[in-house]
């Protein structure tokens, strides 16, 4: 939990009372490699803060092809945000790509923190801003950047993930084939 508290303290003042409430409404959880946190088509009522490890959020298109939309590493939040905020079933699947550790929150309990501790609205706003900027950069990168620049940006944004994620996951994130990724890695 100290990783989460450090993340919060970097953005807002964290009182002992707020820290206690966070402890009450959260569960620290070990997640095994390949374990699914959120399953496409199912209701979503949890959000996760990554303490260690790595997750990927992906969807499967009508042809059965997987598309990785996001990786989440230490200090990142992950969920199917559309499902959480819109009250819909998940369109994404979120799975651990290595043994990981998260802090799990029920979304409705996490929303209670804003009523009890209004300073958390600023914290959440900053997190959402970071998420929106990240998604915007990802979309612009897919539209404007050549594959090698997208790959280099991926390496910069997700340090170490290239060592633990499958090439097929990275390639789908970059919008290229695994063969193209292999050529990028070897400099061909």
N, C-alpha and C. Protein backbone atom coordinates (compact mmCIF):
# COMPACT_ATOMS: atom_id res chain seq x y z
N UNK A 1 0.83 -1.21 0.00
CA UNK A 1 0.00 0.00 0.00
C UNK A 1 0.86 1.25 0.00
N UNK A 2 2.08 1.14 0.47
CA UNK A 2 2.92 2.34 0.55
C UNK A 2 3.18 2.92 -0.84
N UNK A 3 3.23 2.05 -1.87
CA UNK A 3 3.41 2.54 -3.25
C UNK A 3 2.24 3.43 -3.64
N UNK A 4 1.03 3.01 -3.29
CA UNK A 4 -0.16 3.81 -3.57
C UNK A 4 -0.12 5.12 -2.80
N UNK A 5 0.20 5.06 -1.53
CA UNK A 5 0.23 6.28 -0.71
C UNK A 5 1.28 7.26 -1.23
N UNK A 6 2.42 6.75 -1.65
CA UNK A 6 3.46 7.61 -2.22
C UNK A 6 2.96 8.29 -3.50
N UNK A 7 2.25 7.53 -4.33
CA UNK A 7 1.69 8.07 -5.56
C UNK A 7 0.70 9.19 -5.25
N UNK A 8 -0.15 8.97 -4.26
CA UNK A 8 -1.14 9.98 -3.88
C UNK A 8 -0.45 11.21 -3.30
N UNK A 9 0.50 10.99 -2.38
CA UNK A 9 1.20 12.11 -1.74
C UNK A 9 1.96 12.97 -2.74
N UNK A 10 2.34 12.40 -3.87
CA UNK A 10 3.04 13.18 -4.90
C UNK A 10 2.10 14.19 -5.55
N UNK A 11 0.79 14.01 -5.39
CA UNK A 11 -0.18 14.86 -6.06
C UNK A 11 -1.04 15.69 -5.11
N UNK A 12 -1.32 15.13 -3.92
CA UNK A 12 -2.14 15.85 -2.93
C UNK A 12 -1.63 15.52 -1.53
N UNK A 13 -2.08 16.31 -0.57
CA UNK A 13 -1.77 16.02 0.84
C UNK A 13 -2.65 14.86 1.28
N UNK A 14 -2.03 13.85 1.86
CA UNK A 14 -2.76 12.66 2.30
C UNK A 14 -2.83 12.66 3.82
N UNK A 15 -4.04 12.87 4.34
CA UNK A 15 -4.22 12.88 5.79
C UNK A 15 -4.26 11.45 6.32
N UNK A 16 -4.02 11.30 7.61
CA UNK A 16 -4.10 9.98 8.24
C UNK A 16 -5.51 9.41 8.14
N UNK A 17 -6.51 10.29 8.24
CA UNK A 17 -7.90 9.84 8.14
C UNK A 17 -8.20 9.29 6.74
N UNK A 18 -7.73 9.99 5.71
CA UNK A 18 -7.93 9.53 4.33
C UNK A 18 -7.17 8.23 4.08
N UNK A 19 -5.97 8.15 4.61
CA UNK A 19 -5.17 6.93 4.48
C UNK A 19 -5.90 5.75 5.12
N UNK A 20 -6.46 5.98 6.30
CA UNK A 20 -7.23 4.94 6.98
C UNK A 20 -8.43 4.49 6.17
N UNK A 21 -9.14 5.47 5.58
CA UNK A 21 -10.31 5.12 4.76
C UNK A 21 -9.88 4.29 3.55
N UNK A 22 -8.78 4.68 2.90
CA UNK A 22 -8.28 3.91 1.76
C UNK A 22 -7.96 2.48 2.17
N UNK A 23 -7.36 2.32 3.32
CA UNK A 23 -7.08 0.96 3.82
C UNK A 23 -8.36 0.16 4.03
N UNK A 24 -9.41 0.83 4.51
CA UNK A 24 -10.69 0.15 4.77
C UNK A 24 -11.35 -0.34 3.49
N UNK A 25 -11.27 0.44 2.42
CA UNK A 25 -12.04 0.12 1.21
C UNK A 25 -11.21 -0.61 0.15
N UNK A 26 -9.97 -0.93 0.46
CA UNK A 26 -9.12 -1.57 -0.53
C UNK A 26 -8.69 -2.95 -0.09
N UNK A 27 -8.29 -3.73 -1.08
CA UNK A 27 -7.75 -5.05 -0.83
C UNK A 27 -6.47 -5.19 -1.64
N UNK A 28 -5.39 -5.50 -0.99
CA UNK A 28 -4.16 -5.78 -1.72
C UNK A 28 -4.27 -7.23 -2.21
N UNK A 29 -3.94 -7.42 -3.47
CA UNK A 29 -4.20 -8.71 -4.08
C UNK A 29 -3.03 -9.15 -4.95
N UNK A 30 -2.65 -10.40 -4.83
CA UNK A 30 -1.65 -10.99 -5.71
C UNK A 30 -2.40 -11.57 -6.91
N UNK A 31 -1.91 -11.27 -8.10
CA UNK A 31 -2.55 -11.73 -9.32
C UNK A 31 -1.52 -12.56 -10.09
N UNK A 32 -1.87 -13.79 -10.38
CA UNK A 32 -0.95 -14.68 -11.08
C UNK A 32 -0.89 -14.38 -12.58
N UNK A 33 0.24 -14.71 -13.18
CA UNK A 33 0.41 -14.56 -14.62
C UNK A 33 -0.77 -15.21 -15.34
N UNK A 34 -1.31 -14.52 -16.34
CA UNK A 34 -2.44 -14.95 -17.17
C UNK A 34 -3.79 -14.89 -16.46
N UNK A 35 -3.83 -14.47 -15.20
CA UNK A 35 -5.10 -14.34 -14.49
C UNK A 35 -5.86 -13.13 -15.02
N UNK A 36 -7.16 -13.31 -15.19
CA UNK A 36 -8.04 -12.27 -15.72
C UNK A 36 -8.65 -11.47 -14.58
N UNK A 37 -8.48 -10.14 -14.63
CA UNK A 37 -9.13 -9.26 -13.65
C UNK A 37 -10.51 -8.84 -14.13
N UNK A 38 -10.60 -8.56 -15.42
CA UNK A 38 -11.86 -8.12 -16.03
C UNK A 38 -12.04 -8.93 -17.29
N UNK A 39 -13.24 -9.43 -17.50
CA UNK A 39 -13.54 -10.27 -18.66
C UNK A 39 -14.54 -9.57 -19.55
N UNK A 40 -14.22 -9.49 -20.82
CA UNK A 40 -15.12 -8.89 -21.80
C UNK A 40 -16.53 -9.49 -21.67
N UNK A 41 -17.54 -8.61 -21.67
CA UNK A 41 -18.93 -9.05 -21.59
C UNK A 41 -19.47 -9.14 -20.17
N UNK A 42 -18.61 -9.02 -19.19
CA UNK A 42 -19.04 -9.13 -17.78
C UNK A 42 -19.18 -7.74 -17.16
N UNK A 43 -19.94 -7.65 -16.07
CA UNK A 43 -20.09 -6.39 -15.34
C UNK A 43 -18.74 -6.01 -14.71
N UNK A 44 -18.49 -4.72 -14.62
CA UNK A 44 -17.24 -4.23 -14.06
C UNK A 44 -17.57 -3.33 -12.87
N UNK A 45 -17.04 -3.67 -11.72
CA UNK A 45 -17.25 -2.80 -10.56
C UNK A 45 -15.97 -2.60 -9.75
N UNK A 46 -14.82 -2.92 -10.35
CA UNK A 46 -13.54 -2.74 -9.67
C UNK A 46 -12.57 -1.93 -10.52
N UNK A 47 -11.72 -1.21 -9.83
CA UNK A 47 -10.58 -0.53 -10.46
C UNK A 47 -9.35 -0.97 -9.69
N UNK A 48 -8.21 -0.93 -10.36
CA UNK A 48 -7.00 -1.50 -9.80
C UNK A 48 -5.84 -0.52 -9.91
N UNK A 49 -5.05 -0.45 -8.84
CA UNK A 49 -3.81 0.31 -8.84
C UNK A 49 -2.68 -0.72 -8.83
N UNK A 50 -1.76 -0.62 -9.78
CA UNK A 50 -0.71 -1.61 -9.93
C UNK A 50 0.45 -1.28 -8.98
N UNK A 51 0.72 -2.21 -8.08
CA UNK A 51 1.86 -2.09 -7.17
C UNK A 51 3.13 -2.66 -7.80
N UNK A 52 2.97 -3.77 -8.50
CA UNK A 52 4.09 -4.41 -9.19
C UNK A 52 3.54 -5.29 -10.29
N UNK A 53 4.41 -5.61 -11.25
CA UNK A 53 3.99 -6.47 -12.34
C UNK A 53 3.53 -5.68 -13.54
N UNK A 54 2.72 -6.32 -14.37
CA UNK A 54 2.26 -5.70 -15.60
C UNK A 54 0.96 -6.35 -16.06
N UNK A 55 0.06 -5.52 -16.55
CA UNK A 55 -1.23 -5.96 -17.08
C UNK A 55 -1.39 -5.45 -18.49
N UNK A 56 -2.26 -6.09 -19.22
CA UNK A 56 -2.65 -5.56 -20.52
C UNK A 56 -4.16 -5.59 -20.61
N UNK A 57 -4.70 -4.56 -21.27
CA UNK A 57 -6.13 -4.48 -21.56
C UNK A 57 -6.26 -4.69 -23.06
N UNK A 58 -7.11 -5.63 -23.44
CA UNK A 58 -7.26 -5.92 -24.86
C UNK A 58 -8.71 -6.23 -25.20
N UNK A 59 -8.99 -6.13 -26.48
CA UNK A 59 -10.30 -6.53 -26.97
C UNK A 59 -10.10 -7.49 -28.13
N UNK A 60 -11.13 -8.24 -28.42
CA UNK A 60 -11.10 -9.20 -29.52
C UNK A 60 -12.10 -8.74 -30.56
N UNK A 61 -11.63 -8.57 -31.80
CA UNK A 61 -12.53 -8.10 -32.85
C UNK A 61 -13.38 -9.24 -33.40
N UNK A 62 -14.23 -8.95 -34.36
CA UNK A 62 -15.19 -9.93 -34.89
C UNK A 62 -14.51 -11.10 -35.59
N UNK A 63 -13.25 -10.90 -36.01
CA UNK A 63 -12.53 -11.99 -36.68
C UNK A 63 -11.73 -12.83 -35.68
N UNK A 64 -11.76 -12.45 -34.40
CA UNK A 64 -11.05 -13.19 -33.38
C UNK A 64 -9.64 -12.67 -33.10
N UNK A 65 -9.28 -11.57 -33.73
CA UNK A 65 -7.95 -10.99 -33.55
C UNK A 65 -7.93 -10.13 -32.28
N UNK A 66 -6.87 -10.30 -31.48
CA UNK A 66 -6.72 -9.52 -30.26
C UNK A 66 -6.04 -8.18 -30.57
N UNK A 67 -6.51 -7.13 -29.90
CA UNK A 67 -5.93 -5.79 -30.02
C UNK A 67 -5.63 -5.28 -28.62
N UNK A 68 -4.35 -5.11 -28.31
CA UNK A 68 -3.94 -4.59 -27.01
C UNK A 68 -4.09 -3.08 -27.02
N UNK A 69 -4.91 -2.57 -26.11
CA UNK A 69 -5.14 -1.13 -26.03
C UNK A 69 -4.25 -0.44 -25.01
N UNK A 70 -3.89 -1.15 -23.95
CA UNK A 70 -3.13 -0.52 -22.88
C UNK A 70 -2.31 -1.56 -22.14
N UNK A 71 -1.15 -1.15 -21.68
CA UNK A 71 -0.39 -1.88 -20.68
C UNK A 71 -0.45 -1.04 -19.42
N UNK A 72 -0.39 -1.68 -18.27
CA UNK A 72 -0.35 -0.96 -17.00
C UNK A 72 0.78 -1.54 -16.17
N UNK A 73 1.68 -0.66 -15.75
CA UNK A 73 2.82 -1.04 -14.94
C UNK A 73 2.73 -0.35 -13.59
N UNK A 74 3.73 -0.50 -12.78
CA UNK A 74 3.75 0.08 -11.42
C UNK A 74 3.31 1.54 -11.45
N UNK A 75 2.45 1.90 -10.50
CA UNK A 75 1.91 3.25 -10.32
C UNK A 75 0.83 3.62 -11.33
N UNK A 76 0.35 2.69 -12.13
CA UNK A 76 -0.72 2.97 -13.08
C UNK A 76 -2.02 2.37 -12.55
N UNK A 77 -3.11 2.98 -12.95
CA UNK A 77 -4.45 2.47 -12.67
C UNK A 77 -4.93 1.74 -13.91
N UNK A 78 -5.73 0.69 -13.71
CA UNK A 78 -6.29 -0.01 -14.87
C UNK A 78 -7.69 -0.52 -14.53
N UNK A 79 -8.54 -0.47 -15.53
CA UNK A 79 -9.89 -1.04 -15.48
C UNK A 79 -10.43 -0.93 -16.90
N UNK A 80 -11.67 -1.29 -17.10
CA UNK A 80 -12.35 -0.95 -18.35
C UNK A 80 -13.14 0.31 -18.01
N UNK A 81 -12.52 1.46 -18.29
CA UNK A 81 -13.07 2.74 -17.83
C UNK A 81 -14.43 3.04 -18.44
N UNK A 82 -14.65 2.69 -19.69
CA UNK A 82 -15.98 2.90 -20.28
C UNK A 82 -17.03 2.13 -19.51
N UNK A 83 -16.73 0.89 -19.19
CA UNK A 83 -17.69 0.07 -18.46
C UNK A 83 -17.93 0.63 -17.06
N UNK A 84 -16.87 1.04 -16.39
CA UNK A 84 -16.99 1.59 -15.03
C UNK A 84 -17.83 2.85 -15.02
N UNK A 85 -17.48 3.80 -15.90
CA UNK A 85 -18.14 5.11 -15.85
C UNK A 85 -19.51 5.12 -16.53
N UNK A 86 -19.73 4.24 -17.48
CA UNK A 86 -21.00 4.22 -18.21
C UNK A 86 -21.95 3.13 -17.70
N UNK A 87 -21.50 2.31 -16.77
CA UNK A 87 -22.35 1.25 -16.22
C UNK A 87 -22.66 0.16 -17.22
N UNK A 88 -21.74 -0.06 -18.15
CA UNK A 88 -21.92 -1.08 -19.19
C UNK A 88 -21.11 -2.32 -18.84
N UNK A 89 -21.37 -3.40 -19.57
CA UNK A 89 -20.52 -4.58 -19.45
C UNK A 89 -19.19 -4.28 -20.12
N UNK A 90 -18.17 -5.00 -19.70
CA UNK A 90 -16.81 -4.79 -20.20
C UNK A 90 -16.72 -5.05 -21.70
N UNK A 91 -16.00 -4.19 -22.38
CA UNK A 91 -15.64 -4.41 -23.78
C UNK A 91 -14.20 -4.88 -23.87
N UNK A 92 -13.48 -4.77 -22.74
CA UNK A 92 -12.09 -5.16 -22.68
C UNK A 92 -11.91 -6.33 -21.73
N UNK A 93 -10.82 -7.03 -21.93
CA UNK A 93 -10.35 -8.03 -20.97
C UNK A 93 -9.04 -7.48 -20.41
N UNK A 94 -8.87 -7.57 -19.10
CA UNK A 94 -7.64 -7.13 -18.45
C UNK A 94 -7.01 -8.36 -17.82
N UNK A 95 -5.76 -8.65 -18.22
CA UNK A 95 -5.07 -9.82 -17.69
C UNK A 95 -3.66 -9.47 -17.26
N UNK A 96 -3.16 -10.23 -16.29
CA UNK A 96 -1.78 -10.08 -15.84
C UNK A 96 -0.87 -10.78 -16.83
N UNK A 97 0.19 -10.10 -17.27
CA UNK A 97 1.13 -10.77 -18.17
C UNK A 97 2.33 -11.34 -17.41
N UNK A 98 2.44 -10.99 -16.15
CA UNK A 98 3.39 -11.61 -15.22
C UNK A 98 2.72 -11.65 -13.85
N UNK A 99 3.30 -12.40 -12.92
CA UNK A 99 2.79 -12.36 -11.56
C UNK A 99 2.84 -10.91 -11.09
N UNK A 100 1.76 -10.44 -10.52
CA UNK A 100 1.62 -9.01 -10.21
C UNK A 100 0.96 -8.82 -8.86
N UNK A 101 0.96 -7.57 -8.42
CA UNK A 101 0.33 -7.21 -7.16
C UNK A 101 -0.44 -5.92 -7.40
N UNK A 102 -1.69 -5.88 -6.98
CA UNK A 102 -2.53 -4.70 -7.17
C UNK A 102 -3.24 -4.34 -5.87
N UNK A 103 -3.72 -3.11 -5.84
CA UNK A 103 -4.68 -2.70 -4.83
C UNK A 103 -6.00 -2.63 -5.56
N UNK A 104 -6.99 -3.36 -5.05
CA UNK A 104 -8.30 -3.46 -5.69
C UNK A 104 -9.31 -2.62 -4.92
N UNK A 105 -10.09 -1.86 -5.67
CA UNK A 105 -11.14 -1.03 -5.08
C UNK A 105 -12.45 -1.33 -5.77
N UNK A 106 -13.53 -1.42 -4.99
CA UNK A 106 -14.85 -1.41 -5.59
C UNK A 106 -15.10 0.04 -6.02
N UNK A 107 -15.57 0.21 -7.22
CA UNK A 107 -15.72 1.56 -7.77
C UNK A 107 -16.62 2.43 -6.91
N UNK A 108 -17.75 1.90 -6.46
CA UNK A 108 -18.67 2.73 -5.69
C UNK A 108 -18.06 3.16 -4.35
N UNK A 109 -17.26 2.31 -3.74
CA UNK A 109 -16.59 2.69 -2.50
C UNK A 109 -15.52 3.75 -2.76
N UNK A 110 -14.83 3.62 -3.88
CA UNK A 110 -13.82 4.61 -4.24
C UNK A 110 -14.48 5.96 -4.49
N UNK A 111 -15.68 5.96 -5.06
CA UNK A 111 -16.39 7.21 -5.30
C UNK A 111 -16.78 7.89 -3.99
N UNK A 112 -16.97 7.12 -2.95
CA UNK A 112 -17.31 7.67 -1.63
C UNK A 112 -16.19 8.54 -1.09
N UNK A 113 -14.98 8.26 -1.52
CA UNK A 113 -13.84 9.04 -1.02
C UNK A 113 -13.95 10.51 -1.42
N UNK A 114 -14.57 10.79 -2.56
CA UNK A 114 -14.72 12.18 -3.02
C UNK A 114 -15.66 12.97 -2.10
N UNK A 115 -16.67 12.29 -1.59
CA UNK A 115 -17.59 12.96 -0.68
C UNK A 115 -16.91 13.23 0.67
N UNK A 116 -16.18 12.22 1.15
CA UNK A 116 -15.55 12.35 2.47
C UNK A 116 -14.27 13.17 2.45
N UNK A 117 -13.54 13.10 1.34
CA UNK A 117 -12.25 13.80 1.23
C UNK A 117 -12.18 14.48 -0.13
N UNK A 118 -12.76 15.67 -0.25
CA UNK A 118 -12.85 16.35 -1.55
C UNK A 118 -11.51 16.55 -2.27
N UNK A 119 -10.42 16.57 -1.53
CA UNK A 119 -9.12 16.74 -2.19
C UNK A 119 -8.80 15.59 -3.15
N UNK A 120 -9.48 14.47 -2.99
CA UNK A 120 -9.25 13.34 -3.89
C UNK A 120 -9.81 13.59 -5.29
N UNK A 121 -10.73 14.52 -5.42
CA UNK A 121 -11.21 14.87 -6.76
C UNK A 121 -10.07 15.42 -7.59
N UNK A 122 -9.21 16.22 -6.99
CA UNK A 122 -8.04 16.75 -7.69
C UNK A 122 -7.10 15.61 -8.08
N UNK A 123 -6.88 14.68 -7.18
CA UNK A 123 -6.02 13.52 -7.46
C UNK A 123 -6.57 12.72 -8.64
N UNK A 124 -7.87 12.43 -8.59
CA UNK A 124 -8.49 11.65 -9.67
C UNK A 124 -8.48 12.42 -10.98
N UNK A 125 -8.72 13.72 -10.91
CA UNK A 125 -8.69 14.53 -12.13
C UNK A 125 -7.32 14.44 -12.78
N UNK A 126 -6.27 14.53 -11.99
CA UNK A 126 -4.91 14.43 -12.52
C UNK A 126 -4.66 13.06 -13.14
N UNK A 127 -5.18 12.01 -12.52
CA UNK A 127 -5.05 10.67 -13.09
C UNK A 127 -5.79 10.55 -14.41
N UNK A 128 -7.01 11.08 -14.44
CA UNK A 128 -7.80 11.03 -15.68
C UNK A 128 -7.16 11.87 -16.78
N UNK A 129 -6.60 13.02 -16.41
CA UNK A 129 -5.89 13.83 -17.41
C UNK A 129 -4.73 13.04 -18.00
N UNK A 130 -3.96 12.39 -17.14
CA UNK A 130 -2.83 11.58 -17.61
C UNK A 130 -3.31 10.46 -18.54
N UNK A 131 -4.42 9.83 -18.18
CA UNK A 131 -4.97 8.75 -18.98
C UNK A 131 -5.45 9.27 -20.34
N UNK A 132 -6.16 10.38 -20.35
CA UNK A 132 -6.65 10.96 -21.61
C UNK A 132 -5.48 11.37 -22.50
N UNK A 133 -4.47 12.00 -21.91
CA UNK A 133 -3.29 12.40 -22.70
C UNK A 133 -2.60 11.17 -23.27
N UNK A 134 -2.47 10.14 -22.47
CA UNK A 134 -1.83 8.90 -22.92
C UNK A 134 -2.60 8.29 -24.09
N UNK A 135 -3.92 8.23 -23.96
CA UNK A 135 -4.74 7.68 -25.06
C UNK A 135 -4.65 8.55 -26.30
N UNK A 136 -4.67 9.87 -26.13
CA UNK A 136 -4.57 10.78 -27.25
C UNK A 136 -3.23 10.62 -27.97
N UNK A 137 -2.15 10.54 -27.19
CA UNK A 137 -0.83 10.34 -27.80
C UNK A 137 -0.77 9.01 -28.54
N UNK A 138 -1.38 7.99 -27.95
CA UNK A 138 -1.39 6.67 -28.60
C UNK A 138 -2.13 6.73 -29.93
N UNK A 139 -3.29 7.36 -29.96
CA UNK A 139 -4.07 7.48 -31.22
C UNK A 139 -3.29 8.29 -32.24
N UNK A 140 -2.76 9.44 -31.83
CA UNK A 140 -1.99 10.26 -32.76
C UNK A 140 -0.77 9.51 -33.27
N UNK A 141 -0.11 8.77 -32.39
CA UNK A 141 1.04 7.98 -32.81
C UNK A 141 0.68 6.94 -33.84
N UNK A 142 -0.44 6.25 -33.63
CA UNK A 142 -0.89 5.25 -34.60
C UNK A 142 -1.18 5.88 -35.96
N UNK A 143 -1.69 7.10 -35.94
CA UNK A 143 -2.07 7.77 -37.19
C UNK A 143 -0.89 8.47 -37.88
N UNK A 144 0.08 8.96 -37.10
CA UNK A 144 1.10 9.82 -37.67
C UNK A 144 2.51 9.25 -37.71
N UNK A 145 2.84 8.38 -36.79
CA UNK A 145 4.24 7.96 -36.66
C UNK A 145 4.53 6.67 -37.40
N UNK A 146 5.72 6.58 -37.97
CA UNK A 146 6.13 5.30 -38.55
C UNK A 146 6.31 4.26 -37.44
N UNK A 147 6.30 3.00 -37.80
CA UNK A 147 6.35 1.91 -36.82
C UNK A 147 7.56 2.01 -35.90
N UNK A 148 8.72 2.38 -36.40
CA UNK A 148 9.92 2.45 -35.57
C UNK A 148 9.77 3.52 -34.49
N UNK A 149 9.15 4.63 -34.81
CA UNK A 149 8.94 5.68 -33.80
C UNK A 149 7.89 5.24 -32.77
N UNK A 150 6.85 4.52 -33.21
CA UNK A 150 5.86 3.99 -32.27
C UNK A 150 6.53 3.00 -31.32
N UNK A 151 7.41 2.17 -31.87
CA UNK A 151 8.12 1.19 -31.05
C UNK A 151 9.02 1.89 -30.03
N UNK A 152 9.76 2.89 -30.45
CA UNK A 152 10.63 3.62 -29.53
C UNK A 152 9.82 4.33 -28.44
N UNK A 153 8.69 4.88 -28.81
CA UNK A 153 7.81 5.52 -27.83
C UNK A 153 7.27 4.49 -26.83
N UNK A 154 6.93 3.31 -27.33
CA UNK A 154 6.49 2.22 -26.46
C UNK A 154 7.58 1.87 -25.45
N UNK A 155 8.82 1.72 -25.93
CA UNK A 155 9.94 1.38 -25.04
C UNK A 155 10.13 2.44 -23.96
N UNK A 156 9.92 3.69 -24.34
CA UNK A 156 10.08 4.81 -23.40
C UNK A 156 8.93 4.85 -22.38
N UNK A 157 7.71 4.63 -22.85
CA UNK A 157 6.53 4.73 -22.00
C UNK A 157 6.39 3.53 -21.06
N UNK A 158 6.75 2.36 -21.54
CA UNK A 158 6.59 1.12 -20.78
C UNK A 158 7.93 0.42 -20.59
N UNK A 159 8.83 1.01 -19.81
CA UNK A 159 10.17 0.42 -19.65
C UNK A 159 10.09 -1.01 -19.10
N UNK A 160 10.81 -1.89 -19.73
CA UNK A 160 10.87 -3.28 -19.29
C UNK A 160 9.76 -4.17 -19.80
N UNK A 161 8.69 -3.60 -20.32
CA UNK A 161 7.57 -4.43 -20.76
C UNK A 161 7.97 -5.30 -21.96
N UNK A 162 8.86 -4.78 -22.80
CA UNK A 162 9.28 -5.56 -23.98
C UNK A 162 9.94 -6.87 -23.57
N UNK A 163 10.45 -6.95 -22.33
CA UNK A 163 11.10 -8.17 -21.86
C UNK A 163 10.11 -9.21 -21.34
N UNK A 164 8.91 -8.78 -20.99
CA UNK A 164 7.97 -9.71 -20.36
C UNK A 164 6.71 -9.97 -21.19
N UNK A 165 6.37 -9.04 -22.07
CA UNK A 165 5.16 -9.20 -22.88
C UNK A 165 5.47 -10.05 -24.11
N UNK A 166 4.47 -10.75 -24.57
CA UNK A 166 4.62 -11.50 -25.82
C UNK A 166 4.74 -10.52 -26.98
N UNK A 167 5.52 -10.91 -27.97
CA UNK A 167 5.66 -10.06 -29.16
C UNK A 167 4.31 -9.79 -29.82
N UNK A 168 3.42 -10.77 -29.79
CA UNK A 168 2.10 -10.57 -30.40
C UNK A 168 1.32 -9.47 -29.67
N UNK A 169 1.49 -9.37 -28.36
CA UNK A 169 0.81 -8.32 -27.59
C UNK A 169 1.38 -6.95 -27.93
N UNK A 170 2.70 -6.87 -28.00
CA UNK A 170 3.35 -5.59 -28.33
C UNK A 170 3.00 -5.18 -29.75
N UNK A 171 3.05 -6.14 -30.68
CA UNK A 171 2.73 -5.83 -32.08
C UNK A 171 1.30 -5.32 -32.21
N UNK A 172 0.37 -5.96 -31.51
CA UNK A 172 -1.03 -5.51 -31.60
C UNK A 172 -1.18 -4.12 -31.00
N UNK A 173 -0.43 -3.81 -29.96
CA UNK A 173 -0.45 -2.48 -29.36
C UNK A 173 0.07 -1.44 -30.36
N UNK A 174 1.10 -1.81 -31.09
CA UNK A 174 1.72 -0.89 -32.05
C UNK A 174 0.98 -0.82 -33.38
N UNK A 175 0.04 -1.73 -33.60
CA UNK A 175 -0.70 -1.75 -34.86
C UNK A 175 0.10 -2.33 -36.01
N UNK A 176 0.98 -3.28 -35.69
CA UNK A 176 1.80 -3.93 -36.72
C UNK A 176 1.73 -5.44 -36.53
N UNK A 177 2.30 -6.18 -37.46
CA UNK A 177 2.34 -7.64 -37.34
C UNK A 177 3.53 -8.05 -36.47
N UNK A 178 3.47 -9.24 -35.90
CA UNK A 178 4.63 -9.73 -35.13
C UNK A 178 5.90 -9.81 -36.00
N UNK A 179 5.74 -10.11 -37.28
CA UNK A 179 6.89 -10.16 -38.18
C UNK A 179 7.53 -8.77 -38.33
N UNK A 180 6.70 -7.75 -38.45
CA UNK A 180 7.22 -6.39 -38.54
C UNK A 180 7.92 -5.99 -37.25
N UNK A 181 7.37 -6.40 -36.12
CA UNK A 181 8.01 -6.11 -34.84
C UNK A 181 9.37 -6.78 -34.78
N UNK A 182 9.45 -8.02 -35.23
CA UNK A 182 10.73 -8.72 -35.24
C UNK A 182 11.76 -7.99 -36.07
N UNK A 183 11.35 -7.46 -37.21
CA UNK A 183 12.27 -6.68 -38.06
C UNK A 183 12.71 -5.38 -37.35
N UNK A 184 11.78 -4.74 -36.64
CA UNK A 184 12.14 -3.54 -35.89
C UNK A 184 13.18 -3.84 -34.82
N UNK A 185 12.99 -4.96 -34.14
CA UNK A 185 13.90 -5.34 -33.05
C UNK A 185 15.31 -5.66 -33.57
N UNK A 186 15.38 -6.23 -34.75
CA UNK A 186 16.68 -6.61 -35.30
C UNK A 186 17.29 -5.51 -36.16
N UNK A 187 16.53 -4.44 -36.39
CA UNK A 187 17.05 -3.31 -37.15
C UNK A 187 17.07 -3.52 -38.65
N UNK A 188 16.28 -4.46 -39.13
CA UNK A 188 16.22 -4.71 -40.58
C UNK A 188 15.42 -3.65 -41.30
